[in-house]
Amino acid sequence: MDVYNEERRAGAPAVATGRRERWRRFVERATGLQLMAVYWVPMTLLIGLPVRWLFDRQDSLVEAVLGAALNTVWIGPSISLVQRVVGEPRQDPEGIALRQALRTGTVPEDAAVRAELPNYLARQRRATWAALLLVLGVCLGLVLLALLAADNEGFAVIFGVVAAVSAAVAARTLTRIRRLSSLLAAPKPPESPGSGG
């Protein structure tokens, strides 16, 4: 029994390293909507709510949660803006080419990237749907919290707009994925005998 536990403990760092590597790769290849879905709730609860209570203790818990969620809703757009303005991370050159292909809707020239593209598109499709459903669920909860518990239509409208913008971004991303998938699936025309050279 001890041998089994020691073998398991010896494999634990490798498993943890694999998880960290998959997480880093996800963060490098994720869209702003996907990162917003992952970070919005934890940042609201761990950063936004404590900061809100630090500076404004007279709010009720419901208003503090709504205000904290509003203060941290910038995560998705800011990550997208930083990726576009600052540039792509240099650790994952294949990921840069994949994101560029999705962003522009063109099939990459590199054969290795083109071979990875169908798997990347399938993962992006699943991740985009999951992110959209999560963001819409959070927005619905915040709208209901604003209307029923806080009796505040302003927060309800703001989180309704966040939901609508998130749905539009997801629809744009899913449309690009579908178009790029159809470009990959389209048969290539045969080369004419005189064009080779």
N, C-alpha and C. Protein backbone atom coordinates (compact mmCIF):
# COMPACT_ATOMS: atom_id res chain seq x y z
N MET A 1 0.82 -1.19 0.00
CA MET A 1 0.00 0.00 0.00
C MET A 1 0.86 1.25 0.00
N ASP A 2 1.98 1.23 0.74
CA ASP A 2 2.87 2.38 0.77
C ASP A 2 3.48 2.65 -0.59
N VAL A 3 3.82 1.59 -1.33
CA VAL A 3 4.42 1.76 -2.64
C VAL A 3 3.44 2.47 -3.57
N TYR A 4 2.18 2.08 -3.51
CA TYR A 4 1.17 2.70 -4.35
C TYR A 4 1.05 4.18 -4.03
N ASN A 5 1.01 4.54 -2.75
CA ASN A 5 0.90 5.94 -2.35
C ASN A 5 2.13 6.73 -2.76
N GLU A 6 3.32 6.13 -2.65
CA GLU A 6 4.53 6.84 -3.06
C GLU A 6 4.54 7.06 -4.57
N GLU A 7 4.09 6.07 -5.33
CA GLU A 7 4.02 6.25 -6.78
C GLU A 7 3.01 7.33 -7.14
N ARG A 8 1.90 7.35 -6.42
CA ARG A 8 0.90 8.38 -6.68
C ARG A 8 1.43 9.76 -6.33
N ARG A 9 2.14 9.85 -5.19
CA ARG A 9 2.71 11.14 -4.80
C ARG A 9 3.78 11.58 -5.79
N ALA A 10 4.54 10.65 -6.32
CA ALA A 10 5.58 11.00 -7.29
C ALA A 10 4.95 11.52 -8.57
N GLY A 11 3.78 11.02 -8.94
CA GLY A 11 3.11 11.48 -10.15
C GLY A 11 2.32 12.76 -9.96
N ALA A 12 2.11 13.18 -8.72
CA ALA A 12 1.31 14.38 -8.45
C ALA A 12 1.91 15.64 -9.04
N PRO A 13 3.24 15.88 -8.94
CA PRO A 13 3.79 17.09 -9.57
C PRO A 13 3.59 17.10 -11.08
N ALA A 14 3.70 15.93 -11.71
CA ALA A 14 3.49 15.87 -13.16
C ALA A 14 2.05 16.20 -13.51
N VAL A 15 1.11 15.72 -12.72
CA VAL A 15 -0.30 16.03 -12.96
C VAL A 15 -0.55 17.52 -12.76
N ALA A 16 0.01 18.09 -11.68
CA ALA A 16 -0.17 19.51 -11.42
C ALA A 16 0.47 20.35 -12.52
N THR A 17 1.63 19.93 -13.00
CA THR A 17 2.28 20.65 -14.09
C THR A 17 1.44 20.57 -15.36
N GLY A 18 0.84 19.42 -15.62
CA GLY A 18 -0.03 19.28 -16.78
C GLY A 18 -1.25 20.16 -16.69
N ARG A 19 -1.82 20.26 -15.51
CA ARG A 19 -2.99 21.15 -15.33
C ARG A 19 -2.60 22.60 -15.53
N ARG A 20 -1.46 22.99 -14.94
CA ARG A 20 -1.01 24.38 -15.11
C ARG A 20 -0.75 24.70 -16.57
N GLU A 21 -0.14 23.75 -17.28
CA GLU A 21 0.14 23.96 -18.69
C GLU A 21 -1.15 24.08 -19.50
N ARG A 22 -2.13 23.22 -19.22
CA ARG A 22 -3.42 23.32 -19.93
C ARG A 22 -4.11 24.64 -19.61
N TRP A 23 -4.05 25.08 -18.35
CA TRP A 23 -4.68 26.35 -17.96
C TRP A 23 -3.99 27.51 -18.67
N ARG A 24 -2.64 27.50 -18.69
CA ARG A 24 -1.90 28.58 -19.35
C ARG A 24 -2.25 28.62 -20.83
N ARG A 25 -2.32 27.45 -21.45
CA ARG A 25 -2.65 27.37 -22.87
C ARG A 25 -4.08 27.87 -23.12
N PHE A 26 -5.02 27.52 -22.22
CA PHE A 26 -6.38 28.01 -22.37
C PHE A 26 -6.42 29.53 -22.29
N VAL A 27 -5.73 30.09 -21.29
CA VAL A 27 -5.75 31.55 -21.11
C VAL A 27 -5.12 32.23 -22.32
N GLU A 28 -4.06 31.68 -22.88
CA GLU A 28 -3.42 32.29 -24.04
C GLU A 28 -4.29 32.21 -25.29
N ARG A 29 -5.13 31.18 -25.40
CA ARG A 29 -5.93 31.00 -26.62
C ARG A 29 -7.38 31.41 -26.47
N ALA A 30 -7.81 31.81 -25.28
CA ALA A 30 -9.22 32.12 -25.04
C ALA A 30 -9.56 33.52 -25.56
N THR A 31 -10.83 33.68 -25.88
CA THR A 31 -11.34 34.99 -26.29
C THR A 31 -11.71 35.80 -25.06
N GLY A 32 -11.99 37.08 -25.25
CA GLY A 32 -12.37 37.94 -24.14
C GLY A 32 -13.63 37.48 -23.44
N LEU A 33 -14.61 36.99 -24.20
CA LEU A 33 -15.85 36.50 -23.59
C LEU A 33 -15.58 35.27 -22.72
N GLN A 34 -14.72 34.39 -23.18
CA GLN A 34 -14.40 33.20 -22.40
C GLN A 34 -13.68 33.57 -21.11
N LEU A 35 -12.74 34.51 -21.18
CA LEU A 35 -12.03 34.93 -19.98
C LEU A 35 -12.96 35.68 -19.02
N MET A 36 -13.88 36.45 -19.58
CA MET A 36 -14.85 37.13 -18.73
C MET A 36 -15.71 36.12 -17.97
N ALA A 37 -16.11 35.07 -18.67
CA ALA A 37 -16.93 34.04 -18.02
C ALA A 37 -16.17 33.35 -16.89
N VAL A 38 -14.87 33.17 -17.07
CA VAL A 38 -14.07 32.49 -16.06
C VAL A 38 -13.76 33.40 -14.88
N TYR A 39 -13.46 34.67 -15.15
CA TYR A 39 -12.96 35.56 -14.10
C TYR A 39 -14.00 36.46 -13.45
N TRP A 40 -15.15 36.70 -14.09
CA TRP A 40 -16.07 37.73 -13.60
C TRP A 40 -16.59 37.43 -12.20
N VAL A 41 -17.12 36.26 -11.97
CA VAL A 41 -17.70 35.94 -10.65
C VAL A 41 -16.62 35.88 -9.57
N PRO A 42 -15.49 35.16 -9.78
CA PRO A 42 -14.48 35.16 -8.72
C PRO A 42 -13.93 36.55 -8.41
N MET A 43 -13.69 37.36 -9.44
CA MET A 43 -13.18 38.71 -9.18
C MET A 43 -14.20 39.59 -8.49
N THR A 44 -15.48 39.36 -8.80
CA THR A 44 -16.53 40.12 -8.12
C THR A 44 -16.53 39.78 -6.64
N LEU A 45 -16.46 38.49 -6.32
CA LEU A 45 -16.54 38.08 -4.93
C LEU A 45 -15.24 38.30 -4.16
N LEU A 46 -14.10 38.11 -4.81
CA LEU A 46 -12.82 38.20 -4.11
C LEU A 46 -12.20 39.59 -4.11
N ILE A 47 -12.51 40.41 -5.11
CA ILE A 47 -11.91 41.74 -5.18
C ILE A 47 -12.98 42.83 -5.11
N GLY A 48 -13.97 42.75 -6.00
CA GLY A 48 -14.97 43.82 -6.09
C GLY A 48 -15.77 44.02 -4.82
N LEU A 49 -16.28 42.94 -4.25
CA LEU A 49 -17.10 43.05 -3.04
C LEU A 49 -16.30 43.54 -1.83
N PRO A 50 -15.12 43.00 -1.53
CA PRO A 50 -14.36 43.55 -0.40
C PRO A 50 -13.97 45.01 -0.59
N VAL A 51 -13.58 45.40 -1.81
CA VAL A 51 -13.23 46.80 -2.05
C VAL A 51 -14.47 47.68 -1.90
N ARG A 52 -15.59 47.20 -2.38
CA ARG A 52 -16.83 47.96 -2.25
C ARG A 52 -17.18 48.18 -0.78
N TRP A 53 -17.06 47.14 0.02
CA TRP A 53 -17.36 47.28 1.44
C TRP A 53 -16.31 48.09 2.17
N LEU A 54 -15.10 48.09 1.69
CA LEU A 54 -14.04 48.88 2.32
C LEU A 54 -14.35 50.37 2.23
N PHE A 55 -14.86 50.80 1.08
CA PHE A 55 -15.09 52.22 0.87
C PHE A 55 -16.53 52.67 1.07
N ASP A 56 -17.49 51.76 1.03
CA ASP A 56 -18.90 52.15 1.14
C ASP A 56 -19.65 51.11 1.96
N ARG A 57 -19.58 51.22 3.26
CA ARG A 57 -20.19 50.23 4.16
C ARG A 57 -21.68 50.43 4.39
N GLN A 58 -22.22 51.52 3.93
CA GLN A 58 -23.64 51.75 4.20
C GLN A 58 -24.57 51.02 3.23
N ASP A 59 -24.03 50.47 2.13
CA ASP A 59 -24.85 49.71 1.19
C ASP A 59 -25.29 48.38 1.82
N SER A 60 -26.45 47.93 1.38
CA SER A 60 -26.88 46.59 1.79
C SER A 60 -26.05 45.56 1.03
N LEU A 61 -26.14 44.32 1.44
CA LEU A 61 -25.38 43.25 0.78
C LEU A 61 -25.77 43.13 -0.69
N VAL A 62 -27.05 43.24 -0.98
CA VAL A 62 -27.52 43.11 -2.36
C VAL A 62 -26.95 44.22 -3.23
N GLU A 63 -27.02 45.46 -2.74
CA GLU A 63 -26.48 46.58 -3.51
C GLU A 63 -24.97 46.50 -3.64
N ALA A 64 -24.31 45.99 -2.60
CA ALA A 64 -22.86 45.82 -2.68
C ALA A 64 -22.48 44.78 -3.73
N VAL A 65 -23.22 43.68 -3.79
CA VAL A 65 -22.95 42.64 -4.80
C VAL A 65 -23.21 43.19 -6.19
N LEU A 66 -24.30 43.91 -6.38
CA LEU A 66 -24.59 44.49 -7.70
C LEU A 66 -23.53 45.50 -8.10
N GLY A 67 -23.12 46.34 -7.17
CA GLY A 67 -22.08 47.32 -7.47
C GLY A 67 -20.74 46.67 -7.76
N ALA A 68 -20.41 45.63 -7.01
CA ALA A 68 -19.15 44.92 -7.25
C ALA A 68 -19.17 44.23 -8.61
N ALA A 69 -20.30 43.63 -8.98
CA ALA A 69 -20.41 43.00 -10.30
C ALA A 69 -20.29 44.04 -11.41
N LEU A 70 -20.87 45.20 -11.19
CA LEU A 70 -20.77 46.28 -12.17
C LEU A 70 -19.33 46.78 -12.28
N ASN A 71 -18.63 46.85 -11.15
CA ASN A 71 -17.24 47.32 -11.16
C ASN A 71 -16.29 46.35 -11.84
N THR A 72 -16.63 45.07 -11.87
CA THR A 72 -15.72 44.08 -12.47
C THR A 72 -16.19 43.58 -13.83
N VAL A 73 -17.25 44.15 -14.38
CA VAL A 73 -17.75 43.70 -15.68
C VAL A 73 -16.79 44.09 -16.81
N TRP A 74 -15.87 44.96 -16.56
CA TRP A 74 -14.91 45.43 -17.56
C TRP A 74 -13.90 44.37 -17.96
N ILE A 75 -13.85 43.24 -17.28
CA ILE A 75 -12.80 42.24 -17.49
C ILE A 75 -12.74 41.77 -18.95
N GLY A 76 -13.85 41.34 -19.50
CA GLY A 76 -13.85 40.83 -20.87
C GLY A 76 -13.42 41.84 -21.90
N PRO A 77 -14.05 43.03 -21.93
CA PRO A 77 -13.62 44.01 -22.93
C PRO A 77 -12.17 44.47 -22.76
N SER A 78 -11.72 44.59 -21.52
CA SER A 78 -10.34 45.06 -21.33
C SER A 78 -9.34 44.01 -21.78
N ILE A 79 -9.62 42.74 -21.55
CA ILE A 79 -8.71 41.69 -22.01
C ILE A 79 -8.65 41.66 -23.53
N SER A 80 -9.79 41.80 -24.19
CA SER A 80 -9.81 41.84 -25.65
C SER A 80 -9.03 43.04 -26.17
N LEU A 81 -9.22 44.18 -25.54
CA LEU A 81 -8.52 45.39 -25.96
C LEU A 81 -7.01 45.24 -25.77
N VAL A 82 -6.60 44.69 -24.65
CA VAL A 82 -5.17 44.50 -24.39
C VAL A 82 -4.57 43.54 -25.41
N GLN A 83 -5.29 42.47 -25.76
CA GLN A 83 -4.78 41.52 -26.75
C GLN A 83 -4.60 42.19 -28.10
N ARG A 84 -5.49 43.10 -28.45
CA ARG A 84 -5.39 43.75 -29.76
C ARG A 84 -4.35 44.86 -29.77
N VAL A 85 -4.26 45.65 -28.69
CA VAL A 85 -3.37 46.79 -28.68
C VAL A 85 -1.93 46.39 -28.36
N VAL A 86 -1.75 45.62 -27.30
CA VAL A 86 -0.40 45.24 -26.86
C VAL A 86 0.17 44.16 -27.76
N GLY A 87 -0.67 43.29 -28.23
CA GLY A 87 -0.20 42.21 -29.08
C GLY A 87 -0.39 40.87 -28.41
N GLU A 88 -0.16 39.86 -29.17
CA GLU A 88 -0.35 38.50 -28.69
C GLU A 88 0.83 38.07 -27.83
N PRO A 89 0.60 37.17 -26.88
CA PRO A 89 1.73 36.63 -26.11
C PRO A 89 2.65 35.81 -27.02
N ARG A 90 3.91 35.91 -26.79
CA ARG A 90 4.90 35.29 -27.68
C ARG A 90 5.20 33.84 -27.30
N GLN A 91 4.64 33.33 -26.20
CA GLN A 91 4.97 31.97 -25.78
C GLN A 91 4.31 30.92 -26.66
N ASP A 92 3.25 31.26 -27.36
CA ASP A 92 2.47 30.28 -28.11
C ASP A 92 2.30 30.74 -29.55
N PRO A 93 3.33 30.60 -30.40
CA PRO A 93 3.21 31.09 -31.78
C PRO A 93 2.12 30.38 -32.57
N GLU A 94 1.89 29.08 -32.29
CA GLU A 94 0.83 28.36 -32.98
C GLU A 94 -0.53 28.93 -32.57
N GLY A 95 -0.67 29.27 -31.29
CA GLY A 95 -1.91 29.88 -30.81
C GLY A 95 -2.18 31.23 -31.45
N ILE A 96 -1.11 31.99 -31.68
CA ILE A 96 -1.26 33.29 -32.35
C ILE A 96 -1.84 33.08 -33.74
N ALA A 97 -1.30 32.12 -34.47
CA ALA A 97 -1.79 31.86 -35.83
C ALA A 97 -3.23 31.36 -35.81
N LEU A 98 -3.57 30.54 -34.82
CA LEU A 98 -4.95 30.04 -34.72
C LEU A 98 -5.93 31.17 -34.40
N ARG A 99 -5.57 32.02 -33.45
CA ARG A 99 -6.45 33.15 -33.10
C ARG A 99 -6.58 34.11 -34.27
N GLN A 100 -5.47 34.33 -34.98
CA GLN A 100 -5.50 35.22 -36.14
C GLN A 100 -6.40 34.65 -37.23
N ALA A 101 -6.35 33.34 -37.43
CA ALA A 101 -7.21 32.71 -38.43
C ALA A 101 -8.68 32.89 -38.05
N LEU A 102 -8.99 32.72 -36.77
CA LEU A 102 -10.37 32.89 -36.32
C LEU A 102 -10.80 34.35 -36.43
N ARG A 103 -9.90 35.26 -36.08
CA ARG A 103 -10.24 36.68 -36.11
C ARG A 103 -10.45 37.18 -37.54
N THR A 104 -9.61 36.72 -38.48
CA THR A 104 -9.71 37.21 -39.86
C THR A 104 -10.59 36.35 -40.75
N GLY A 105 -10.83 35.09 -40.35
CA GLY A 105 -11.65 34.21 -41.15
C GLY A 105 -10.92 33.62 -42.34
N THR A 106 -9.59 33.58 -42.28
CA THR A 106 -8.80 33.03 -43.37
C THR A 106 -8.09 31.77 -42.90
N VAL A 107 -7.92 30.83 -43.83
CA VAL A 107 -7.21 29.59 -43.53
C VAL A 107 -5.71 29.90 -43.55
N PRO A 108 -4.98 29.50 -42.50
CA PRO A 108 -3.55 29.81 -42.45
C PRO A 108 -2.76 29.03 -43.51
N GLU A 109 -1.62 29.58 -43.90
CA GLU A 109 -0.76 28.94 -44.90
C GLU A 109 0.04 27.80 -44.30
N ASP A 110 0.42 27.90 -43.04
CA ASP A 110 1.25 26.88 -42.39
C ASP A 110 0.48 25.57 -42.27
N ALA A 111 1.08 24.49 -42.74
CA ALA A 111 0.40 23.19 -42.76
C ALA A 111 0.13 22.68 -41.34
N ALA A 112 1.05 22.90 -40.42
CA ALA A 112 0.86 22.44 -39.04
C ALA A 112 -0.29 23.17 -38.37
N VAL A 113 -0.36 24.45 -38.60
CA VAL A 113 -1.46 25.24 -38.02
C VAL A 113 -2.78 24.86 -38.68
N ARG A 114 -2.76 24.64 -39.99
CA ARG A 114 -3.97 24.23 -40.70
C ARG A 114 -4.46 22.88 -40.20
N ALA A 115 -3.53 21.98 -39.85
CA ALA A 115 -3.92 20.67 -39.34
C ALA A 115 -4.53 20.79 -37.94
N GLU A 116 -4.07 21.74 -37.14
CA GLU A 116 -4.59 21.93 -35.78
C GLU A 116 -5.91 22.72 -35.77
N LEU A 117 -6.18 23.45 -36.84
CA LEU A 117 -7.33 24.36 -36.88
C LEU A 117 -8.68 23.68 -36.63
N PRO A 118 -9.01 22.52 -37.20
CA PRO A 118 -10.32 21.92 -36.92
C PRO A 118 -10.53 21.61 -35.43
N ASN A 119 -9.49 21.09 -34.77
CA ASN A 119 -9.62 20.83 -33.33
C ASN A 119 -9.78 22.13 -32.55
N TYR A 120 -9.01 23.13 -32.93
CA TYR A 120 -9.10 24.44 -32.26
C TYR A 120 -10.50 25.04 -32.43
N LEU A 121 -11.05 24.95 -33.64
CA LEU A 121 -12.38 25.50 -33.88
C LEU A 121 -13.44 24.76 -33.07
N ALA A 122 -13.31 23.43 -32.98
CA ALA A 122 -14.27 22.66 -32.18
C ALA A 122 -14.19 23.05 -30.71
N ARG A 123 -12.97 23.23 -30.19
CA ARG A 123 -12.82 23.66 -28.79
C ARG A 123 -13.34 25.07 -28.59
N GLN A 124 -13.10 25.95 -29.55
CA GLN A 124 -13.59 27.32 -29.44
C GLN A 124 -15.12 27.37 -29.49
N ARG A 125 -15.72 26.53 -30.30
CA ARG A 125 -17.18 26.48 -30.37
C ARG A 125 -17.76 26.07 -29.02
N ARG A 126 -17.22 25.01 -28.43
CA ARG A 126 -17.70 24.55 -27.11
C ARG A 126 -17.45 25.61 -26.04
N ALA A 127 -16.25 26.19 -26.05
CA ALA A 127 -15.91 27.19 -25.03
C ALA A 127 -16.75 28.45 -25.18
N THR A 128 -17.05 28.84 -26.40
CA THR A 128 -17.88 30.04 -26.62
C THR A 128 -19.29 29.81 -26.13
N TRP A 129 -19.87 28.64 -26.44
CA TRP A 129 -21.22 28.33 -25.94
C TRP A 129 -21.24 28.28 -24.42
N ALA A 130 -20.23 27.64 -23.83
CA ALA A 130 -20.18 27.56 -22.36
C ALA A 130 -20.04 28.94 -21.74
N ALA A 131 -19.18 29.78 -22.32
CA ALA A 131 -18.99 31.13 -21.79
C ALA A 131 -20.27 31.94 -21.93
N LEU A 132 -20.93 31.83 -23.08
CA LEU A 132 -22.17 32.57 -23.29
C LEU A 132 -23.23 32.15 -22.28
N LEU A 133 -23.41 30.86 -22.10
CA LEU A 133 -24.42 30.39 -21.14
C LEU A 133 -24.09 30.83 -19.72
N LEU A 134 -22.82 30.79 -19.36
CA LEU A 134 -22.44 31.22 -18.02
C LEU A 134 -22.67 32.71 -17.82
N VAL A 135 -22.26 33.53 -18.78
CA VAL A 135 -22.45 34.98 -18.66
C VAL A 135 -23.93 35.33 -18.66
N LEU A 136 -24.72 34.67 -19.53
CA LEU A 136 -26.16 34.94 -19.54
C LEU A 136 -26.81 34.52 -18.22
N GLY A 137 -26.37 33.40 -17.66
CA GLY A 137 -26.90 32.97 -16.35
C GLY A 137 -26.57 33.95 -15.25
N VAL A 138 -25.33 34.43 -15.23
CA VAL A 138 -24.94 35.41 -14.22
C VAL A 138 -25.72 36.71 -14.41
N CYS A 139 -25.84 37.15 -15.66
CA CYS A 139 -26.60 38.38 -15.93
C CYS A 139 -28.07 38.23 -15.54
N LEU A 140 -28.67 37.09 -15.83
CA LEU A 140 -30.05 36.86 -15.44
C LEU A 140 -30.19 36.90 -13.92
N GLY A 141 -29.27 36.26 -13.23
CA GLY A 141 -29.30 36.30 -11.77
C GLY A 141 -29.16 37.71 -11.23
N LEU A 142 -28.26 38.51 -11.84
CA LEU A 142 -28.08 39.88 -11.39
C LEU A 142 -29.28 40.76 -11.72
N VAL A 143 -29.90 40.53 -12.88
CA VAL A 143 -31.11 41.29 -13.22
C VAL A 143 -32.23 40.97 -12.23
N LEU A 144 -32.42 39.69 -11.95
CA LEU A 144 -33.45 39.31 -10.98
C LEU A 144 -33.14 39.85 -9.59
N LEU A 145 -31.87 39.81 -9.20
CA LEU A 145 -31.46 40.37 -7.91
C LEU A 145 -31.73 41.87 -7.86
N ALA A 146 -31.44 42.56 -8.95
CA ALA A 146 -31.66 44.01 -9.00
C ALA A 146 -33.14 44.34 -8.95
N LEU A 147 -33.96 43.58 -9.66
CA LEU A 147 -35.40 43.90 -9.72
C LEU A 147 -36.15 43.45 -8.46
N LEU A 148 -35.85 42.26 -7.98
CA LEU A 148 -36.63 41.69 -6.89
C LEU A 148 -36.12 42.08 -5.50
N ALA A 149 -34.81 42.09 -5.33
CA ALA A 149 -34.27 42.35 -4.00
C ALA A 149 -33.90 43.81 -3.78
N ALA A 150 -33.33 44.45 -4.81
CA ALA A 150 -32.86 45.82 -4.63
C ALA A 150 -33.84 46.85 -5.16
N ASP A 151 -34.84 46.41 -5.94
CA ASP A 151 -35.81 47.32 -6.56
C ASP A 151 -35.09 48.46 -7.30
N ASN A 152 -34.12 48.06 -8.13
CA ASN A 152 -33.29 49.02 -8.84
C ASN A 152 -33.29 48.66 -10.32
N GLU A 153 -34.01 49.43 -11.11
CA GLU A 153 -34.12 49.16 -12.54
C GLU A 153 -32.83 49.49 -13.28
N GLY A 154 -32.05 50.42 -12.75
CA GLY A 154 -30.81 50.82 -13.41
C GLY A 154 -29.84 49.65 -13.55
N PHE A 155 -29.63 48.92 -12.45
CA PHE A 155 -28.75 47.75 -12.51
C PHE A 155 -29.33 46.70 -13.46
N ALA A 156 -30.63 46.53 -13.45
CA ALA A 156 -31.26 45.54 -14.33
C ALA A 156 -31.00 45.88 -15.80
N VAL A 157 -31.12 47.15 -16.15
CA VAL A 157 -30.87 47.57 -17.53
C VAL A 157 -29.41 47.37 -17.90
N ILE A 158 -28.51 47.74 -17.01
CA ILE A 158 -27.08 47.60 -17.30
C ILE A 158 -26.71 46.14 -17.52
N PHE A 159 -27.16 45.24 -16.65
CA PHE A 159 -26.81 43.83 -16.81
C PHE A 159 -27.56 43.21 -17.98
N GLY A 160 -28.71 43.75 -18.35
CA GLY A 160 -29.38 43.33 -19.57
C GLY A 160 -28.57 43.70 -20.80
N VAL A 161 -27.98 44.89 -20.79
CA VAL A 161 -27.11 45.32 -21.89
C VAL A 161 -25.86 44.45 -21.95
N VAL A 162 -25.29 44.12 -20.79
CA VAL A 162 -24.13 43.23 -20.76
C VAL A 162 -24.48 41.88 -21.38
N ALA A 163 -25.65 41.36 -21.06
CA ALA A 163 -26.10 40.09 -21.63
C ALA A 163 -26.26 40.20 -23.15
N ALA A 164 -26.86 41.29 -23.61
CA ALA A 164 -27.07 41.47 -25.05
C ALA A 164 -25.74 41.60 -25.80
N VAL A 165 -24.81 42.36 -25.25
CA VAL A 165 -23.50 42.52 -25.89
C VAL A 165 -22.76 41.19 -25.89
N SER A 166 -22.84 40.44 -24.80
CA SER A 166 -22.19 39.13 -24.74
C SER A 166 -22.78 38.19 -25.78
N ALA A 167 -24.09 38.21 -25.94
CA ALA A 167 -24.74 37.37 -26.95
C ALA A 167 -24.30 37.77 -28.36
N ALA A 168 -24.16 39.07 -28.61
CA ALA A 168 -23.71 39.54 -29.92
C ALA A 168 -22.27 39.11 -30.19
N VAL A 169 -21.41 39.23 -29.19
CA VAL A 169 -20.01 38.81 -29.36
C VAL A 169 -19.94 37.31 -29.60
N ALA A 170 -20.71 36.54 -28.86
CA ALA A 170 -20.71 35.08 -29.06
C ALA A 170 -21.26 34.73 -30.44
N ALA A 171 -22.30 35.41 -30.88
CA ALA A 171 -22.85 35.14 -32.21
C ALA A 171 -21.82 35.45 -33.29
N ARG A 172 -21.09 36.55 -33.14
CA ARG A 172 -20.04 36.88 -34.11
C ARG A 172 -18.95 35.82 -34.12
N THR A 173 -18.53 35.39 -32.95
CA THR A 173 -17.48 34.37 -32.85
C THR A 173 -17.96 33.04 -33.45
N LEU A 174 -19.18 32.63 -33.13
CA LEU A 174 -19.71 31.37 -33.66
C LEU A 174 -19.89 31.43 -35.17
N THR A 175 -20.26 32.60 -35.69
CA THR A 175 -20.38 32.76 -37.14
C THR A 175 -19.02 32.62 -37.81
N ARG A 176 -18.01 33.24 -37.22
CA ARG A 176 -16.65 33.12 -37.77
C ARG A 176 -16.18 31.67 -37.73
N ILE A 177 -16.48 30.97 -36.63
CA ILE A 177 -16.09 29.56 -36.53
C ILE A 177 -16.77 28.74 -37.61
N ARG A 178 -18.07 28.98 -37.81
CA ARG A 178 -18.81 28.23 -38.82
C ARG A 178 -18.25 28.51 -40.23
N ARG A 179 -17.97 29.78 -40.54
CA ARG A 179 -17.43 30.12 -41.86
C ARG A 179 -16.06 29.49 -42.09
N LEU A 180 -15.21 29.57 -41.07
CA LEU A 180 -13.87 29.01 -41.21
C LEU A 180 -13.94 27.49 -41.32
N SER A 181 -14.85 26.86 -40.59
CA SER A 181 -15.03 25.41 -40.71
C SER A 181 -15.48 25.03 -42.12
N SER A 182 -16.38 25.83 -42.70
CA SER A 182 -16.84 25.52 -44.05
C SER A 182 -15.73 25.74 -45.08
N LEU A 183 -14.85 26.72 -44.83
CA LEU A 183 -13.71 26.91 -45.73
C LEU A 183 -12.76 25.71 -45.67
N LEU A 184 -12.58 25.17 -44.47
CA LEU A 184 -11.71 24.00 -44.33
C LEU A 184 -12.32 22.76 -44.96
N ALA A 185 -13.64 22.65 -44.89
CA ALA A 185 -14.32 21.46 -45.40
C ALA A 185 -14.51 21.50 -46.92
N ALA A 186 -14.41 22.69 -47.51
CA ALA A 186 -14.61 22.82 -48.95
C ALA A 186 -13.48 22.11 -49.69
N PRO A 187 -13.82 21.33 -50.71
CA PRO A 187 -12.76 20.66 -51.47
C PRO A 187 -11.95 21.68 -52.26
N LYS A 188 -10.66 21.42 -52.34
CA LYS A 188 -9.79 22.32 -53.08
C LYS A 188 -9.89 21.99 -54.57
N PRO A 189 -9.94 23.02 -55.41
CA PRO A 189 -10.01 22.74 -56.86
C PRO A 189 -8.69 22.15 -57.33
N PRO A 190 -8.75 21.21 -58.28
CA PRO A 190 -7.51 20.61 -58.80
C PRO A 190 -6.72 21.66 -59.57
N GLU A 191 -5.40 21.52 -59.48
CA GLU A 191 -4.53 22.45 -60.21
C GLU A 191 -4.55 22.09 -61.69
N SER A 192 -4.52 23.12 -62.52
CA SER A 192 -4.49 22.88 -63.96
C SER A 192 -3.07 22.44 -64.35
N PRO A 193 -2.93 21.65 -65.41
CA PRO A 193 -1.62 21.11 -65.77
C PRO A 193 -0.58 22.19 -66.08
N GLY A 194 -0.96 23.32 -66.59
CA GLY A 194 0.01 24.35 -66.98
C GLY A 194 0.37 25.29 -65.85
N SER A 195 -0.29 25.20 -64.69
CA SER A 195 -0.02 26.17 -63.64
C SER A 195 1.14 25.76 -62.75
N GLY A 196 1.62 24.55 -62.82
CA GLY A 196 2.68 24.07 -61.94
C GLY A 196 4.05 24.59 -62.32
N GLY A 197 4.23 25.07 -63.49
CA GLY A 197 5.37 25.52 -63.85
C GLY A 197 6.50 25.77 -64.48
